[in-house]
Amino acid sequence: MSAKVLCVGRIYCDLVFSGIVDLPRAGQETYAKDLTLFAGGGAYITGAYLAAAGLETSLCGIIPNGLFGAAIEDELAGSGLNLRACQNAGAHVQPQVTVVMSSEFDRAFLTRRTGAALPDTFSQTIATGGFTHLHIAELATLQEHPELITLAKQNGLSISLDCAWDEAAMTAPNGMDLLKNVDLFLPNEPELLKISPSDDGVDGAAKKLAESGPIVVVKRGAAGAGYWGPNGNYSAAPLKTAKAIDPTGAGDAFNAGFLARWLTDASPEDCLKNGNAFGMAAIGQLGGATAARSLKSQTVAV
């Protein structure tokens, strides 16, 4: 049976300031060359790349209201995602917005979360949608809705989870208990070390976490990516790429590339290489999911 994926999580309007030489410092002013608006959030970005890879993919989240929702409406509609499980935010709910400050070498985010993480119909969506896999885009979303794990397992879905940097979520008492029940955990290196501190660095932290239950896949930027699971440990070097334009969404794109192979039972090495290919494509254009369109005609996907 072919994979049918549901991506859940918050949907943002990303205001991307780019062409920045140095990220802002306290008490100083920094000028950007460009300002652009894109749809954002890991659920949307990973979902858009999965759809570009040819997987039947649905998005379940709350779309910002007002001008911010209108600004991303066309992008969402053209993403190839099934949006029937999404809801529009109520008029009284402030919009979810992320300010992205992106230089060639680094990025910083300022995010406003507001309202519920998911529509109130998400449980019905999981139970009746015929999905085979659930991707949860933020650890914070899972902490708000721990029943996602039970619902997924009751309906036969495998589960993947990204972290998304959130210090409160990563240090919450229930964090490790939740991670034990997902099939695949996809943090970046700083997130891994925050959640699973180890004197033995990334390898020790990942091994310790993998022993508790999930396969652990770590995004390591210029060092590539690594895999720790029951069938061994693997690594893949990053692909050589042209100049980085915007690293926003690269980790979410990696998730999609990895999942596109993992859901077909491909080898860990193949999954990592495909994840790196998607991540490298993402950093070459402004906007988290912009490069997904160019991947539709390429063979890096399934």
C-alpha atoms as a PDB file:
ATOM      1  CA  MET A   1       0.000   0.000   0.000  1.00  0.00           C
ATOM      2  CA  SER A   2       1.370   3.444  -0.912  1.00  0.00           C
ATOM      3  CA  ALA A   3       1.986   5.962   1.845  1.00  0.00           C
ATOM      4  CA  LYS A   4      -0.653   8.532   2.695  1.00  0.00           C
ATOM      5  CA  VAL A   5       0.742  11.177   5.024  1.00  0.00           C
ATOM      6  CA  LEU A   6      -0.877  13.634   7.429  1.00  0.00           C
ATOM      7  CA  CYS A   7       1.280  16.560   8.597  1.00  0.00           C
ATOM      8  CA  VAL A   8       0.046  18.340  11.725  1.00  0.00           C
ATOM      9  CA  GLY A   9       1.253  21.541  13.350  1.00  0.00           C
ATOM     10  CA  ARG A  10       1.002  25.296  13.455  1.00  0.00           C
ATOM     11  CA  ILE A  11       0.872  27.281  10.217  1.00  0.00           C
ATOM     12  CA  TYR A  12       2.637  30.647  10.158  1.00  0.00           C
ATOM     13  CA  CYS A  13       3.085  33.600   7.894  1.00  0.00           C
ATOM     14  CA  ASP A  14       6.868  33.980   7.556  1.00  0.00           C
ATOM     15  CA  LEU A  15       8.207  37.500   7.081  1.00  0.00           C
ATOM     16  CA  VAL A  16      11.675  36.846   5.682  1.00  0.00           C
ATOM     17  CA  PHE A  17      14.278  39.612   5.953  1.00  0.00           C
ATOM     18  CA  SER A  18      17.177  38.583   3.717  1.00  0.00           C
ATOM     19  CA  GLY A  19      20.401  40.029   2.377  1.00  0.00           C
ATOM     20  CA  ILE A  20      21.599  40.683   5.926  1.00  0.00           C
ATOM     21  CA  VAL A  21      25.348  40.904   6.447  1.00  0.00           C
ATOM     22  CA  ASP A  22      25.182  40.354  10.218  1.00  0.00           C
ATOM     23  CA  LEU A  23      22.247  39.342  12.372  1.00  0.00           C
ATOM     24  CA  PRO A  24      20.949  42.115  14.680  1.00  0.00           C
ATOM     25  CA  ARG A  25      22.650  42.785  17.994  1.00  0.00           C
ATOM     26  CA  ALA A  26      21.029  44.343  21.046  1.00  0.00           C
ATOM     27  CA  GLY A  27      21.060  48.122  20.844  1.00  0.00           C
ATOM     28  CA  GLN A  28      22.061  48.191  17.169  1.00  0.00           C
ATOM     29  CA  GLU A  29      20.164  48.378  13.902  1.00  0.00           C
ATOM     30  CA  THR A  30      20.679  46.055  10.945  1.00  0.00           C
ATOM     31  CA  TYR A  31      19.372  46.625   7.413  1.00  0.00           C
ATOM     32  CA  ALA A  32      18.017  43.932   5.111  1.00  0.00           C
ATOM     33  CA  LYS A  33      18.169  43.990   1.343  1.00  0.00           C
ATOM     34  CA  ASP A  34      14.804  42.272   0.827  1.00  0.00           C
ATOM     35  CA  LEU A  35      11.550  41.452   2.619  1.00  0.00           C
ATOM     36  CA  THR A  36       9.302  38.643   1.350  1.00  0.00           C
ATOM     37  CA  LEU A  37       6.272  36.777   2.727  1.00  0.00           C
ATOM     38  CA  PHE A  38       5.831  33.018   2.656  1.00  0.00           C
ATOM     39  CA  ALA A  39       3.744  30.322   4.276  1.00  0.00           C
ATOM     40  CA  GLY A  40       5.700  28.745   7.109  1.00  0.00           C
ATOM     41  CA  GLY A  41       5.752  26.172   9.875  1.00  0.00           C
ATOM     42  CA  GLY A  42       7.258  22.717   9.758  1.00  0.00           C
ATOM     43  CA  ALA A  43       3.971  20.952   9.039  1.00  0.00           C
ATOM     44  CA  TYR A  44       3.399  22.992   5.894  1.00  0.00           C
ATOM     45  CA  ILE A  45       7.013  22.959   4.680  1.00  0.00           C
ATOM     46  CA  THR A  46       7.558  19.223   5.188  1.00  0.00           C
ATOM     47  CA  GLY A  47       4.143  18.544   3.680  1.00  0.00           C
ATOM     48  CA  ALA A  48       4.844  20.651   0.594  1.00  0.00           C
ATOM     49  CA  TYR A  49       8.077  18.766  -0.087  1.00  0.00           C
ATOM     50  CA  LEU A  50       6.360  15.406   0.452  1.00  0.00           C
ATOM     51  CA  ALA A  51       3.683  16.420  -2.028  1.00  0.00           C
ATOM     52  CA  ALA A  52       6.417  17.439  -4.483  1.00  0.00           C
ATOM     53  CA  ALA A  53       7.928  13.986  -3.994  1.00  0.00           C
ATOM     54  CA  GLY A  54       4.674  12.466  -5.204  1.00  0.00           C
ATOM     55  CA  LEU A  55       3.250  11.326  -1.869  1.00  0.00           C
ATOM     56  CA  GLU A  56      -0.431  11.886  -1.128  1.00  0.00           C
ATOM     57  CA  THR A  57      -0.141  14.394   1.705  1.00  0.00           C
ATOM     58  CA  SER A  58      -2.643  16.352   3.793  1.00  0.00           C
ATOM     59  CA  LEU A  59      -2.065  19.315   6.103  1.00  0.00           C
ATOM     60  CA  CYS A  60      -3.897  19.725   9.398  1.00  0.00           C
ATOM     61  CA  GLY A  61      -3.450  23.130  11.024  1.00  0.00           C
ATOM     62  CA  ILE A  62      -5.029  26.516  11.570  1.00  0.00           C
ATOM     63  CA  ILE A  63      -4.470  29.105   8.845  1.00  0.00           C
ATOM     64  CA  PRO A  64      -3.794  32.669  10.091  1.00  0.00           C
ATOM     65  CA  ASN A  65      -6.621  35.126   9.662  1.00  0.00           C
ATOM     66  CA  GLY A  66      -6.807  38.581   8.109  1.00  0.00           C
ATOM     67  CA  LEU A  67      -4.053  40.075   6.003  1.00  0.00           C
ATOM     68  CA  PHE A  68      -1.491  37.477   7.030  1.00  0.00           C
ATOM     69  CA  GLY A  69      -3.712  34.589   5.978  1.00  0.00           C
ATOM     70  CA  ALA A  70      -4.506  36.333   2.707  1.00  0.00           C
ATOM     71  CA  ALA A  71      -0.777  36.797   2.065  1.00  0.00           C
ATOM     72  CA  ILE A  72      -0.136  33.044   2.056  1.00  0.00           C
ATOM     73  CA  GLU A  73      -3.430  31.865   0.578  1.00  0.00           C
ATOM     74  CA  ASP A  74      -2.138  31.400  -2.967  1.00  0.00           C
ATOM     75  CA  GLU A  75       1.009  29.590  -1.836  1.00  0.00           C
ATOM     76  CA  LEU A  76      -0.994  27.132   0.266  1.00  0.00           C
ATOM     77  CA  ALA A  77      -3.429  26.521  -2.583  1.00  0.00           C
ATOM     78  CA  GLY A  78      -0.609  25.821  -5.044  1.00  0.00           C
ATOM     79  CA  SER A  79       1.394  23.536  -2.755  1.00  0.00           C
ATOM     80  CA  GLY A  80      -0.153  20.259  -3.872  1.00  0.00           C
ATOM     81  CA  LEU A  81      -1.330  19.588  -0.316  1.00  0.00           C
ATOM     82  CA  ASN A  82      -4.831  18.500   0.585  1.00  0.00           C
ATOM     83  CA  LEU A  83      -6.041  21.324   2.847  1.00  0.00           C
ATOM     84  CA  ARG A  84      -9.457  19.959   3.796  1.00  0.00           C
ATOM     85  CA  ALA A  85      -8.296  19.198   7.351  1.00  0.00           C
ATOM     86  CA  CYS A  86      -7.264  22.828   7.930  1.00  0.00           C
ATOM     87  CA  GLN A  87      -9.389  25.523   9.544  1.00  0.00           C
ATOM     88  CA  ASN A  88      -9.202  29.294   9.353  1.00  0.00           C
ATOM     89  CA  ALA A  89      -8.407  31.069  12.617  1.00  0.00           C
ATOM     90  CA  GLY A  90     -11.285  32.892  14.236  1.00  0.00           C
ATOM     91  CA  ALA A  91     -11.503  36.652  13.826  1.00  0.00           C
ATOM     92  CA  HIS A  92     -10.562  37.158  17.484  1.00  0.00           C
ATOM     93  CA  VAL A  93      -7.344  35.087  17.245  1.00  0.00           C
ATOM     94  CA  GLN A  94      -4.163  37.032  16.626  1.00  0.00           C
ATOM     95  CA  PRO A  95      -2.220  35.803  13.587  1.00  0.00           C
ATOM     96  CA  GLN A  96       0.679  33.397  13.938  1.00  0.00           C
ATOM     97  CA  VAL A  97       3.691  35.161  12.470  1.00  0.00           C
ATOM     98  CA  THR A  98       7.405  34.360  12.326  1.00  0.00           C
ATOM     99  CA  VAL A  99       9.988  37.026  11.571  1.00  0.00           C
ATOM    100  CA  VAL A 100      12.934  35.343   9.865  1.00  0.00           C
ATOM    101  CA  MET A 101      16.272  37.149   9.759  1.00  0.00           C
ATOM    102  CA  SER A 102      18.483  35.297   7.312  1.00  0.00           C
ATOM    103  CA  SER A 103      22.114  35.831   6.385  1.00  0.00           C
ATOM    104  CA  GLU A 104      24.311  33.608   4.251  1.00  0.00           C
ATOM    105  CA  PHE A 105      25.681  31.810   7.306  1.00  0.00           C
ATOM    106  CA  ASP A 106      22.997  31.961   9.990  1.00  0.00           C
ATOM    107  CA  ARG A 107      19.414  32.818  10.793  1.00  0.00           C
ATOM    108  CA  ALA A 108      17.294  33.935  13.726  1.00  0.00           C
ATOM    109  CA  PHE A 109      13.567  33.724  14.348  1.00  0.00           C
ATOM    110  CA  LEU A 110      11.024  35.691  16.342  1.00  0.00           C
ATOM    111  CA  THR A 111       7.698  33.885  16.511  1.00  0.00           C
ATOM    112  CA  ARG A 112       4.258  34.675  17.822  1.00  0.00           C
ATOM    113  CA  ARG A 113       2.212  31.587  18.688  1.00  0.00           C
ATOM    114  CA  THR A 114      -1.436  32.121  19.441  1.00  0.00           C
ATOM    115  CA  GLY A 115      -4.588  30.088  19.845  1.00  0.00           C
ATOM    116  CA  ALA A 116      -4.816  26.325  19.522  1.00  0.00           C
ATOM    117  CA  ALA A 117      -2.126  24.323  17.765  1.00  0.00           C
ATOM    118  CA  LEU A 118      -4.608  22.197  15.813  1.00  0.00           C
ATOM    119  CA  PRO A 119      -8.205  22.348  14.596  1.00  0.00           C
ATOM    120  CA  ASP A 120     -10.728  20.762  16.937  1.00  0.00           C
ATOM    121  CA  THR A 121     -11.464  18.158  14.235  1.00  0.00           C
ATOM    122  CA  PHE A 122      -7.956  16.636  14.182  1.00  0.00           C
ATOM    123  CA  SER A 123      -8.980  13.423  15.952  1.00  0.00           C
ATOM    124  CA  GLN A 124     -11.719  12.768  13.409  1.00  0.00           C
ATOM    125  CA  THR A 125      -9.264  13.511  10.593  1.00  0.00           C
ATOM    126  CA  ILE A 126      -6.799  10.887  11.870  1.00  0.00           C
ATOM    127  CA  ALA A 127      -9.515   8.300  12.469  1.00  0.00           C
ATOM    128  CA  THR A 128     -11.272   8.609   9.109  1.00  0.00           C
ATOM    129  CA  GLY A 129      -8.656   9.810   6.624  1.00  0.00           C
ATOM    130  CA  GLY A 130      -7.105   6.471   5.711  1.00  0.00           C
ATOM    131  CA  PHE A 131      -3.600   7.734   6.506  1.00  0.00           C
ATOM    132  CA  THR A 132      -0.566   5.494   6.939  1.00  0.00           C
ATOM    133  CA  HIS A 133       1.807   8.001   8.531  1.00  0.00           C
ATOM    134  CA  LEU A 134       1.557  10.978  10.888  1.00  0.00           C
ATOM    135  CA  HIS A 135       4.236  13.677  10.898  1.00  0.00           C
ATOM    136  CA  ILE A 136       4.173  16.042  13.892  1.00  0.00           C
ATOM    137  CA  ALA A 137       6.112  19.193  13.125  1.00  0.00           C
ATOM    138  CA  GLU A 138       6.843  20.496  16.627  1.00  0.00           C
ATOM    139  CA  LEU A 139       7.505  18.848  19.968  1.00  0.00           C
ATOM    140  CA  ALA A 140       5.387  21.624  21.508  1.00  0.00           C
ATOM    141  CA  THR A 141       2.394  20.527  19.408  1.00  0.00           C
ATOM    142  CA  LEU A 142       2.754  16.968  20.678  1.00  0.00           C
ATOM    143  CA  GLN A 143       2.951  18.249  24.255  1.00  0.00           C
ATOM    144  CA  GLU A 144      -0.252  20.204  23.732  1.00  0.00           C
ATOM    145  CA  HIS A 145      -1.892  17.137  22.187  1.00  0.00           C
ATOM    146  CA  PRO A 146      -0.274  13.963  23.599  1.00  0.00           C
ATOM    147  CA  GLU A 147      -3.355  12.067  22.443  1.00  0.00           C
ATOM    148  CA  LEU A 148      -1.913  12.274  18.910  1.00  0.00           C
ATOM    149  CA  ILE A 149       0.196   9.222  19.732  1.00  0.00           C
ATOM    150  CA  THR A 150      -2.757   7.154  20.917  1.00  0.00           C
ATOM    151  CA  LEU A 151      -4.909   8.199  17.961  1.00  0.00           C
ATOM    152  CA  ALA A 152      -2.163   7.359  15.474  1.00  0.00           C
ATOM    153  CA  LYS A 153      -1.448   3.960  16.979  1.00  0.00           C
ATOM    154  CA  GLN A 154      -5.144   3.063  17.222  1.00  0.00           C
ATOM    155  CA  ASN A 155      -5.466   3.752  13.508  1.00  0.00           C
ATOM    156  CA  GLY A 156      -2.282   1.987  12.433  1.00  0.00           C
ATOM    157  CA  LEU A 157      -0.188   5.057  11.573  1.00  0.00           C
ATOM    158  CA  SER A 158       3.564   5.252  12.008  1.00  0.00           C
ATOM    159  CA  ILE A 159       4.740   8.492  13.653  1.00  0.00           C
ATOM    160  CA  SER A 160       7.580  10.915  12.966  1.00  0.00           C
ATOM    161  CA  LEU A 161       8.362  13.989  15.046  1.00  0.00           C
ATOM    162  CA  ASP A 162      10.504  17.048  14.475  1.00  0.00           C
ATOM    163  CA  CYS A 163      11.554  19.114  17.461  1.00  0.00           C
ATOM    164  CA  ALA A 164      11.608  22.796  16.442  1.00  0.00           C
ATOM    165  CA  TRP A 165      13.654  24.890  18.859  1.00  0.00           C
ATOM    166  CA  ASP A 166      11.553  25.599  21.942  1.00  0.00           C
ATOM    167  CA  GLU A 167      13.462  25.588  25.210  1.00  0.00           C
ATOM    168  CA  ALA A 168      10.365  25.127  27.350  1.00  0.00           C
ATOM    169  CA  ALA A 169       9.239  22.146  25.271  1.00  0.00           C
ATOM    170  CA  MET A 170      12.677  20.537  25.226  1.00  0.00           C
ATOM    171  CA  THR A 171      13.066  20.725  29.008  1.00  0.00           C
ATOM    172  CA  ALA A 172       9.473  19.816  29.927  1.00  0.00           C
ATOM    173  CA  PRO A 173       9.138  16.845  32.333  1.00  0.00           C
ATOM    174  CA  ASN A 174       7.018  14.795  29.926  1.00  0.00           C
ATOM    175  CA  GLY A 175       9.304  15.249  26.945  1.00  0.00           C
ATOM    176  CA  MET A 176      11.194  11.961  27.156  1.00  0.00           C
ATOM    177  CA  ASP A 177       8.029   9.943  27.826  1.00  0.00           C
ATOM    178  CA  LEU A 178       6.470  11.303  24.637  1.00  0.00           C
ATOM    179  CA  LEU A 179       9.583  10.647  22.556  1.00  0.00           C
ATOM    180  CA  LYS A 180       9.624   6.983  23.580  1.00  0.00           C
ATOM    181  CA  ASN A 181       6.368   6.437  21.718  1.00  0.00           C
ATOM    182  CA  VAL A 182       7.242   7.861  18.294  1.00  0.00           C
ATOM    183  CA  ASP A 183       8.842   5.785  15.560  1.00  0.00           C
ATOM    184  CA  LEU A 184      11.174   8.431  14.176  1.00  0.00           C
ATOM    185  CA  PHE A 185      12.593  11.547  15.861  1.00  0.00           C
ATOM    186  CA  LEU A 186      14.275  14.183  13.664  1.00  0.00           C
ATOM    187  CA  PRO A 187      16.025  16.880  15.733  1.00  0.00           C
ATOM    188  CA  ASN A 188      18.924  19.046  14.680  1.00  0.00           C
ATOM    189  CA  GLU A 189      22.157  18.843  16.613  1.00  0.00           C
ATOM    190  CA  PRO A 190      21.527  21.621  19.191  1.00  0.00           C
ATOM    191  CA  GLU A 191      18.018  20.283  19.848  1.00  0.00           C
ATOM    192  CA  LEU A 192      19.322  16.758  20.392  1.00  0.00           C
ATOM    193  CA  LEU A 193      21.971  17.908  22.861  1.00  0.00           C
ATOM    194  CA  LYS A 194      19.412  19.995  24.747  1.00  0.00           C
ATOM    195  CA  ILE A 195      16.979  17.096  25.088  1.00  0.00           C
ATOM    196  CA  SER A 196      19.526  14.337  25.657  1.00  0.00           C
ATOM    197  CA  PRO A 197      22.723  15.813  27.180  1.00  0.00           C
ATOM    198  CA  SER A 198      25.752  13.555  26.944  1.00  0.00           C
ATOM    199  CA  ASP A 199      29.460  13.789  27.706  1.00  0.00           C
ATOM    200  CA  ASP A 200      29.998  11.785  24.514  1.00  0.00           C
ATOM    201  CA  GLY A 201      28.560  14.454  22.217  1.00  0.00           C
ATOM    202  CA  VAL A 202      26.102  13.787  19.429  1.00  0.00           C
ATOM    203  CA  ASP A 203      26.870  10.074  19.169  1.00  0.00           C
ATOM    204  CA  GLY A 204      26.325   9.487  22.875  1.00  0.00           C
ATOM    205  CA  ALA A 205      23.206  11.635  22.994  1.00  0.00           C
ATOM    206  CA  ALA A 206      21.645   9.943  19.970  1.00  0.00           C
ATOM    207  CA  LYS A 207      22.462   6.430  21.169  1.00  0.00           C
ATOM    208  CA  LYS A 208      20.950   7.149  24.577  1.00  0.00           C
ATOM    209  CA  LEU A 209      17.779   8.511  23.031  1.00  0.00           C
ATOM    210  CA  ALA A 210      17.503   5.682  20.482  1.00  0.00           C
ATOM    211  CA  GLU A 211      17.762   3.105  23.257  1.00  0.00           C
ATOM    212  CA  SER A 212      14.575   4.536  24.771  1.00  0.00           C
ATOM    213  CA  GLY A 213      12.528   3.765  21.668  1.00  0.00           C
ATOM    214  CA  PRO A 214      12.616   5.943  18.544  1.00  0.00           C
ATOM    215  CA  ILE A 215      14.935   5.850  15.571  1.00  0.00           C
ATOM    216  CA  VAL A 216      16.934   9.075  15.875  1.00  0.00           C
ATOM    217  CA  VAL A 217      17.947  11.053  12.801  1.00  0.00           C
ATOM    218  CA  VAL A 218      20.074  14.120  13.503  1.00  0.00           C
ATOM    219  CA  LYS A 219      20.436  17.045  11.106  1.00  0.00           C
ATOM    220  CA  ARG A 220      23.978  18.377  11.481  1.00  0.00           C
ATOM    221  CA  GLY A 221      24.201  21.208   8.974  1.00  0.00           C
ATOM    222  CA  ALA A 222      27.621  21.325   7.336  1.00  0.00           C
ATOM    223  CA  ALA A 223      28.415  17.923   8.880  1.00  0.00           C
ATOM    224  CA  GLY A 224      25.541  16.224   7.047  1.00  0.00           C
ATOM    225  CA  ALA A 225      23.167  13.926   8.924  1.00  0.00           C
ATOM    226  CA  GLY A 226      23.271  10.817  11.079  1.00  0.00           C
ATOM    227  CA  TYR A 227      21.015   7.850  11.841  1.00  0.00           C
ATOM    228  CA  TRP A 228      20.856   5.790  15.029  1.00  0.00           C
ATOM    229  CA  GLY A 229      18.469   2.860  15.125  1.00  0.00           C
ATOM    230  CA  PRO A 230      18.008  -0.866  15.740  1.00  0.00           C
ATOM    231  CA  ASN A 231      19.671  -1.766  12.440  1.00  0.00           C
ATOM    232  CA  GLY A 232      22.818   0.265  13.121  1.00  0.00           C
ATOM    233  CA  ASN A 233      24.310   3.729  12.933  1.00  0.00           C
ATOM    234  CA  TYR A 234      24.856   5.533   9.640  1.00  0.00           C
ATOM    235  CA  SER A 235      25.926   8.938   8.402  1.00  0.00           C
ATOM    236  CA  ALA A 236      25.792  10.887   5.161  1.00  0.00           C
ATOM    237  CA  ALA A 237      27.929  13.855   4.171  1.00  0.00           C
ATOM    238  CA  PRO A 238      26.133  16.944   2.885  1.00  0.00           C
ATOM    239  CA  LEU A 239      25.859  17.481  -0.837  1.00  0.00           C
ATOM    240  CA  LYS A 240      27.926  20.212  -2.427  1.00  0.00           C
ATOM    241  CA  THR A 241      25.720  23.113  -3.310  1.00  0.00           C
ATOM    242  CA  ALA A 242      25.747  26.612  -4.666  1.00  0.00           C
ATOM    243  CA  LYS A 243      25.740  29.625  -2.364  1.00  0.00           C
ATOM    244  CA  ALA A 244      23.142  29.407   0.384  1.00  0.00           C
ATOM    245  CA  ILE A 245      20.382  31.960  -0.113  1.00  0.00           C
ATOM    246  CA  ASP A 246      18.086  31.218   2.824  1.00  0.00           C
ATOM    247  CA  PRO A 247      18.418  28.314   5.286  1.00  0.00           C
ATOM    248  CA  THR A 248      14.803  28.706   6.465  1.00  0.00           C
ATOM    249  CA  GLY A 249      12.980  25.369   6.243  1.00  0.00           C
ATOM    250  CA  ALA A 250      16.034  23.313   5.330  1.00  0.00           C
ATOM    251  CA  GLY A 251      15.478  20.946   8.249  1.00  0.00           C
ATOM    252  CA  ASP A 252      11.816  20.508   7.355  1.00  0.00           C
ATOM    253  CA  ALA A 253      12.756  19.826   3.742  1.00  0.00           C
ATOM    254  CA  PHE A 254      15.282  17.251   4.962  1.00  0.00           C
ATOM    255  CA  ASN A 255      12.473  15.576   6.919  1.00  0.00           C
ATOM    256  CA  ALA A 256      10.440  15.211   3.735  1.00  0.00           C
ATOM    257  CA  GLY A 257      13.335  13.806   1.738  1.00  0.00           C
ATOM    258  CA  PHE A 258      14.120  11.299   4.470  1.00  0.00           C
ATOM    259  CA  LEU A 259      10.480  10.281   4.916  1.00  0.00           C
ATOM    260  CA  ALA A 260       9.900   9.919   1.180  1.00  0.00           C
ATOM    261  CA  ARG A 261      12.446   7.080   1.215  1.00  0.00           C
ATOM    262  CA  TRP A 262      11.811   5.750   4.734  1.00  0.00           C
ATOM    263  CA  LEU A 263       8.135   5.161   3.982  1.00  0.00           C
ATOM    264  CA  THR A 264       9.174   2.844   1.137  1.00  0.00           C
ATOM    265  CA  ASP A 265      11.490   0.826   3.453  1.00  0.00           C
ATOM    266  CA  ALA A 266      14.632   2.163   1.787  1.00  0.00           C
ATOM    267  CA  SER A 267      18.007   1.760   3.482  1.00  0.00           C
ATOM    268  CA  PRO A 268      19.083   4.305   6.127  1.00  0.00           C
ATOM    269  CA  GLU A 269      21.894   5.487   3.835  1.00  0.00           C
ATOM    270  CA  ASP A 270      19.457   6.145   0.994  1.00  0.00           C
ATOM    271  CA  CYS A 271      17.058   7.956   3.351  1.00  0.00           C
ATOM    272  CA  LEU A 272      19.844  10.207   4.625  1.00  0.00           C
ATOM    273  CA  LYS A 273      21.101  11.016   1.136  1.00  0.00           C
ATOM    274  CA  ASN A 274      17.620  11.938  -0.051  1.00  0.00           C
ATOM    275  CA  GLY A 275      17.106  14.062   3.056  1.00  0.00           C
ATOM    276  CA  ASN A 276      20.329  15.922   2.334  1.00  0.00           C
ATOM    277  CA  ALA A 277      19.273  16.448  -1.295  1.00  0.00           C
ATOM    278  CA  PHE A 278      16.011  18.068  -0.220  1.00  0.00           C
ATOM    279  CA  GLY A 279      17.733  20.157   2.461  1.00  0.00           C
ATOM    280  CA  MET A 280      20.310  21.448  -0.001  1.00  0.00           C
ATOM    281  CA  ALA A 281      17.581  22.354  -2.489  1.00  0.00           C
ATOM    282  CA  ALA A 282      15.762  24.329   0.207  1.00  0.00           C
ATOM    283  CA  ILE A 283      18.650  26.641   1.084  1.00  0.00           C
ATOM    284  CA  GLY A 284      19.093  27.740  -2.532  1.00  0.00           C
ATOM    285  CA  GLN A 285      15.888  29.820  -2.620  1.00  0.00           C
ATOM    286  CA  LEU A 286      14.073  32.284  -0.388  1.00  0.00           C
ATOM    287  CA  GLY A 287      11.185  30.789   1.584  1.00  0.00           C
ATOM    288  CA  GLY A 288      10.868  27.484   3.390  1.00  0.00           C
ATOM    289  CA  ALA A 289       8.954  25.556   0.721  1.00  0.00           C
ATOM    290  CA  THR A 290       9.775  27.510  -2.442  1.00  0.00           C
ATOM    291  CA  ALA A 291      12.189  24.897  -3.782  1.00  0.00           C
ATOM    292  CA  ALA A 292       9.545  22.165  -3.541  1.00  0.00           C
ATOM    293  CA  ARG A 293       8.171  23.289  -6.897  1.00  0.00           C
ATOM    294  CA  SER A 294      11.483  22.654  -8.654  1.00  0.00           C
ATOM    295  CA  LEU A 295      11.760  19.161  -7.160  1.00  0.00           C
ATOM    296  CA  LYS A 296       8.575  17.971  -8.843  1.00  0.00           C
ATOM    297  CA  SER A 297      10.424  17.334 -12.097  1.00  0.00           C
ATOM    298  CA  GLN A 298      13.545  15.825 -10.543  1.00  0.00           C
ATOM    299  CA  THR A 299      14.390  12.256  -9.583  1.00  0.00           C
ATOM    300  CA  VAL A 300      15.641  12.783  -6.023  1.00  0.00           C
ATOM    301  CA  ALA A 301      12.181  11.827  -4.774  1.00  0.00           C
ATOM    302  CA  VAL A 302      10.345   8.516  -4.869  1.00  0.00           C
END
